[in-house]
Amino acid sequence: MLLPIKQVIVTEFGVEHALRVKIARGDVVVKIGTALGFGEYWDVELAEGEYSLAFVPHRGFLYQAWGAAQLGFCTSIASRSSLPAG
């Protein structure tokens, strides 16, 4: 399942952010970056389970997830900010 590309506008620079990813079945590719197709923060293939992908953005970011095979299914992705980096 291909999830739509989401853009997040960051107002807290230098603050750790994270995406909470829940995968129901199969393997799912998740890319997080500053431009479409780039994965400079994360470019990873994840198996079934729940994950928290942390990074410190320098500006807004985009994320997208899709099944690595036809059975890959991501049920949700949620963005949150965390603690100041450092």
N, C-alpha and C. Protein backbone atom coordinates (compact mmCIF):
# COMPACT_ATOMS: atom_id res chain seq x y z
N MET A 1 0.85 -1.18 0.00
CA MET A 1 0.00 0.00 0.00
C MET A 1 0.89 1.24 0.00
N LEU A 2 0.65 2.12 -0.93
CA LEU A 2 1.40 3.36 -1.02
C LEU A 2 0.66 4.45 -0.25
N LEU A 3 1.30 5.00 0.77
CA LEU A 3 0.70 6.11 1.51
C LEU A 3 1.06 7.41 0.81
N PRO A 4 0.18 8.40 0.85
CA PRO A 4 0.52 9.68 0.22
C PRO A 4 1.72 10.33 0.89
N ILE A 5 2.43 11.12 0.11
CA ILE A 5 3.57 11.87 0.65
C ILE A 5 3.02 12.93 1.60
N LYS A 6 3.62 13.03 2.75
CA LYS A 6 3.20 14.02 3.74
C LYS A 6 4.33 15.02 3.94
N GLN A 7 3.98 16.29 4.01
CA GLN A 7 4.96 17.34 4.29
C GLN A 7 4.70 17.86 5.69
N VAL A 8 5.77 18.02 6.47
CA VAL A 8 5.68 18.54 7.83
C VAL A 8 6.45 19.85 7.89
N ILE A 9 5.79 20.90 8.36
CA ILE A 9 6.44 22.19 8.54
C ILE A 9 6.99 22.23 9.96
N VAL A 10 8.28 22.49 10.06
CA VAL A 10 8.97 22.48 11.35
C VAL A 10 9.09 23.90 11.88
N THR A 11 8.68 24.09 13.13
CA THR A 11 8.84 25.39 13.78
C THR A 11 9.87 25.33 14.90
N GLU A 12 10.29 24.11 15.25
CA GLU A 12 11.27 23.91 16.32
C GLU A 12 12.53 23.29 15.73
N PHE A 13 13.46 24.13 15.30
CA PHE A 13 14.71 23.64 14.73
C PHE A 13 15.65 23.22 15.85
N GLY A 14 16.47 22.20 15.60
CA GLY A 14 17.39 21.70 16.62
C GLY A 14 16.69 20.85 17.67
N VAL A 15 15.44 20.49 17.42
CA VAL A 15 14.68 19.66 18.34
C VAL A 15 14.47 18.30 17.69
N GLU A 16 14.72 17.25 18.44
CA GLU A 16 14.52 15.91 17.90
C GLU A 16 13.04 15.67 17.60
N HIS A 17 12.79 15.17 16.42
CA HIS A 17 11.45 14.76 16.01
C HIS A 17 11.48 13.26 15.77
N ALA A 18 10.32 12.66 15.69
CA ALA A 18 10.27 11.22 15.42
C ALA A 18 8.99 10.91 14.66
N LEU A 19 9.06 9.89 13.85
CA LEU A 19 7.88 9.34 13.21
C LEU A 19 7.59 8.00 13.87
N ARG A 20 6.38 7.83 14.32
CA ARG A 20 5.92 6.56 14.88
C ARG A 20 5.29 5.78 13.75
N VAL A 21 5.85 4.63 13.41
CA VAL A 21 5.42 3.84 12.26
C VAL A 21 4.88 2.50 12.74
N LYS A 22 3.68 2.15 12.28
CA LYS A 22 3.08 0.85 12.60
C LYS A 22 2.89 0.07 11.31
N ILE A 23 3.47 -1.12 11.26
CA ILE A 23 3.39 -1.96 10.07
C ILE A 23 2.63 -3.23 10.43
N ALA A 24 1.54 -3.47 9.71
CA ALA A 24 0.66 -4.60 10.02
C ALA A 24 1.18 -5.91 9.45
N ARG A 25 1.78 -5.87 8.26
CA ARG A 25 2.31 -7.10 7.67
C ARG A 25 3.33 -6.77 6.59
N GLY A 26 4.19 -7.72 6.32
CA GLY A 26 5.17 -7.57 5.25
C GLY A 26 6.25 -6.55 5.58
N ASP A 27 7.02 -6.20 4.56
CA ASP A 27 8.07 -5.20 4.69
C ASP A 27 7.62 -3.90 4.04
N VAL A 28 7.95 -2.77 4.67
CA VAL A 28 7.56 -1.46 4.19
C VAL A 28 8.79 -0.56 4.12
N VAL A 29 8.95 0.16 3.03
CA VAL A 29 10.03 1.13 2.87
C VAL A 29 9.54 2.47 3.38
N VAL A 30 10.34 3.12 4.22
CA VAL A 30 10.02 4.45 4.74
C VAL A 30 11.16 5.38 4.38
N LYS A 31 10.83 6.51 3.76
CA LYS A 31 11.83 7.54 3.46
C LYS A 31 11.42 8.82 4.14
N ILE A 32 12.39 9.46 4.80
CA ILE A 32 12.19 10.76 5.44
C ILE A 32 13.31 11.67 4.97
N GLY A 33 12.97 12.79 4.37
CA GLY A 33 13.99 13.70 3.85
C GLY A 33 13.46 15.09 3.64
N THR A 34 14.31 15.96 3.11
CA THR A 34 13.93 17.36 2.92
C THR A 34 13.33 17.63 1.55
N ALA A 35 13.39 16.64 0.64
CA ALA A 35 12.82 16.80 -0.69
C ALA A 35 12.29 15.46 -1.17
N LEU A 36 11.37 15.50 -2.10
CA LEU A 36 10.75 14.30 -2.64
C LEU A 36 11.81 13.34 -3.17
N GLY A 37 11.75 12.08 -2.73
CA GLY A 37 12.69 11.07 -3.20
C GLY A 37 13.98 10.98 -2.41
N PHE A 38 14.24 11.94 -1.54
CA PHE A 38 15.45 11.92 -0.73
C PHE A 38 15.16 11.29 0.62
N GLY A 39 16.13 10.60 1.16
CA GLY A 39 15.99 9.96 2.46
C GLY A 39 17.17 10.25 3.34
N GLU A 40 17.57 11.53 3.40
CA GLU A 40 18.78 11.84 4.16
C GLU A 40 18.61 11.65 5.67
N TYR A 41 17.38 11.69 6.17
CA TYR A 41 17.16 11.40 7.59
C TYR A 41 16.97 9.90 7.81
N TRP A 42 16.09 9.29 7.02
CA TRP A 42 15.86 7.84 7.07
C TRP A 42 15.51 7.34 5.68
N ASP A 43 16.07 6.20 5.33
CA ASP A 43 15.73 5.46 4.11
C ASP A 43 15.90 4.00 4.50
N VAL A 44 14.80 3.38 4.94
CA VAL A 44 14.91 2.09 5.60
C VAL A 44 13.73 1.19 5.21
N GLU A 45 13.99 -0.11 5.21
CA GLU A 45 12.95 -1.11 4.99
C GLU A 45 12.66 -1.77 6.34
N LEU A 46 11.40 -1.72 6.77
CA LEU A 46 11.01 -2.21 8.09
C LEU A 46 10.07 -3.40 7.97
N ALA A 47 10.22 -4.36 8.88
CA ALA A 47 9.35 -5.52 8.94
C ALA A 47 8.15 -5.20 9.84
N GLU A 48 7.23 -6.14 9.95
CA GLU A 48 6.04 -5.98 10.78
C GLU A 48 6.42 -5.58 12.19
N GLY A 49 5.71 -4.58 12.74
CA GLY A 49 5.97 -4.11 14.10
C GLY A 49 5.74 -2.62 14.23
N GLU A 50 6.17 -2.05 15.36
CA GLU A 50 6.05 -0.62 15.63
C GLU A 50 7.45 -0.04 15.82
N TYR A 51 7.67 1.15 15.24
CA TYR A 51 8.98 1.77 15.25
C TYR A 51 8.86 3.25 15.57
N SER A 52 9.92 3.80 16.13
CA SER A 52 10.05 5.24 16.31
C SER A 52 11.35 5.65 15.63
N LEU A 53 11.24 6.42 14.55
CA LEU A 53 12.41 6.86 13.78
C LEU A 53 12.72 8.30 14.15
N ALA A 54 13.78 8.51 14.89
CA ALA A 54 14.14 9.84 15.41
C ALA A 54 15.18 10.51 14.51
N PHE A 55 15.08 11.84 14.44
CA PHE A 55 16.02 12.65 13.66
C PHE A 55 15.85 14.10 14.08
N VAL A 56 16.84 14.93 13.74
CA VAL A 56 16.80 16.37 14.04
C VAL A 56 16.71 17.13 12.72
N PRO A 57 15.53 17.63 12.36
CA PRO A 57 15.39 18.34 11.09
C PRO A 57 15.95 19.75 11.16
N HIS A 58 16.47 20.20 10.01
CA HIS A 58 17.01 21.55 9.89
C HIS A 58 16.01 22.47 9.20
N ARG A 59 14.96 21.88 8.64
CA ARG A 59 13.86 22.61 8.01
C ARG A 59 12.71 21.62 7.88
N GLY A 60 11.67 21.99 7.16
CA GLY A 60 10.56 21.07 6.96
C GLY A 60 11.02 19.77 6.33
N PHE A 61 10.21 18.72 6.47
CA PHE A 61 10.59 17.44 5.90
C PHE A 61 9.38 16.75 5.29
N LEU A 62 9.67 15.77 4.44
CA LEU A 62 8.65 14.96 3.79
C LEU A 62 8.85 13.52 4.21
N TYR A 63 7.74 12.76 4.24
CA TYR A 63 7.89 11.34 4.45
C TYR A 63 6.89 10.56 3.61
N GLN A 64 7.29 9.34 3.26
CA GLN A 64 6.44 8.46 2.48
C GLN A 64 6.77 7.02 2.83
N ALA A 65 5.77 6.15 2.73
CA ALA A 65 5.96 4.73 2.99
C ALA A 65 5.23 3.93 1.93
N TRP A 66 5.82 2.79 1.56
CA TRP A 66 5.15 1.90 0.62
C TRP A 66 5.61 0.48 0.86
N GLY A 67 4.77 -0.47 0.48
CA GLY A 67 5.09 -1.89 0.65
C GLY A 67 6.24 -2.28 -0.26
N ALA A 68 7.24 -2.95 0.32
CA ALA A 68 8.38 -3.41 -0.46
C ALA A 68 7.94 -4.54 -1.40
N ALA A 69 6.91 -5.27 -1.02
CA ALA A 69 6.28 -6.28 -1.86
C ALA A 69 4.78 -6.02 -1.80
N GLN A 70 4.00 -6.74 -2.54
CA GLN A 70 2.56 -6.49 -2.56
C GLN A 70 1.91 -6.67 -1.20
N LEU A 71 2.51 -7.47 -0.33
CA LEU A 71 1.90 -7.74 0.97
C LEU A 71 2.24 -6.69 2.02
N GLY A 72 3.22 -5.83 1.76
CA GLY A 72 3.59 -4.81 2.74
C GLY A 72 2.45 -3.86 3.01
N PHE A 73 2.15 -3.62 4.29
CA PHE A 73 1.01 -2.77 4.65
C PHE A 73 1.34 -1.96 5.89
N CYS A 74 1.41 -0.64 5.72
CA CYS A 74 1.67 0.28 6.82
C CYS A 74 0.33 0.84 7.28
N THR A 75 0.00 0.66 8.56
CA THR A 75 -1.30 1.12 9.05
C THR A 75 -1.31 2.58 9.47
N SER A 76 -0.17 3.12 9.94
CA SER A 76 -0.16 4.53 10.32
C SER A 76 1.26 5.06 10.47
N ILE A 77 1.38 6.36 10.26
CA ILE A 77 2.61 7.10 10.55
C ILE A 77 2.19 8.39 11.21
N ALA A 78 2.79 8.71 12.35
CA ALA A 78 2.47 9.94 13.07
C ALA A 78 3.76 10.67 13.41
N SER A 79 3.76 11.98 13.24
CA SER A 79 4.93 12.81 13.52
C SER A 79 4.79 13.45 14.89
N ARG A 80 5.93 13.56 15.60
CA ARG A 80 5.92 14.25 16.90
C ARG A 80 7.30 14.83 17.16
N SER A 81 7.33 15.91 17.94
CA SER A 81 8.62 16.45 18.36
C SER A 81 8.91 15.89 19.76
N SER A 82 10.17 15.93 20.12
CA SER A 82 10.61 15.27 21.34
C SER A 82 11.41 16.24 22.19
N LEU A 83 12.59 15.85 22.58
CA LEU A 83 13.45 16.67 23.43
C LEU A 83 14.46 17.44 22.61
N PRO A 84 14.95 18.58 23.11
CA PRO A 84 16.02 19.29 22.39
C PRO A 84 17.22 18.39 22.17
N ALA A 85 17.78 18.45 20.97
CA ALA A 85 18.95 17.63 20.65
C ALA A 85 20.17 18.15 21.41
N GLY A 86 21.07 17.26 21.68
CA GLY A 86 22.31 17.70 22.30
C GLY A 86 22.59 16.91 23.46
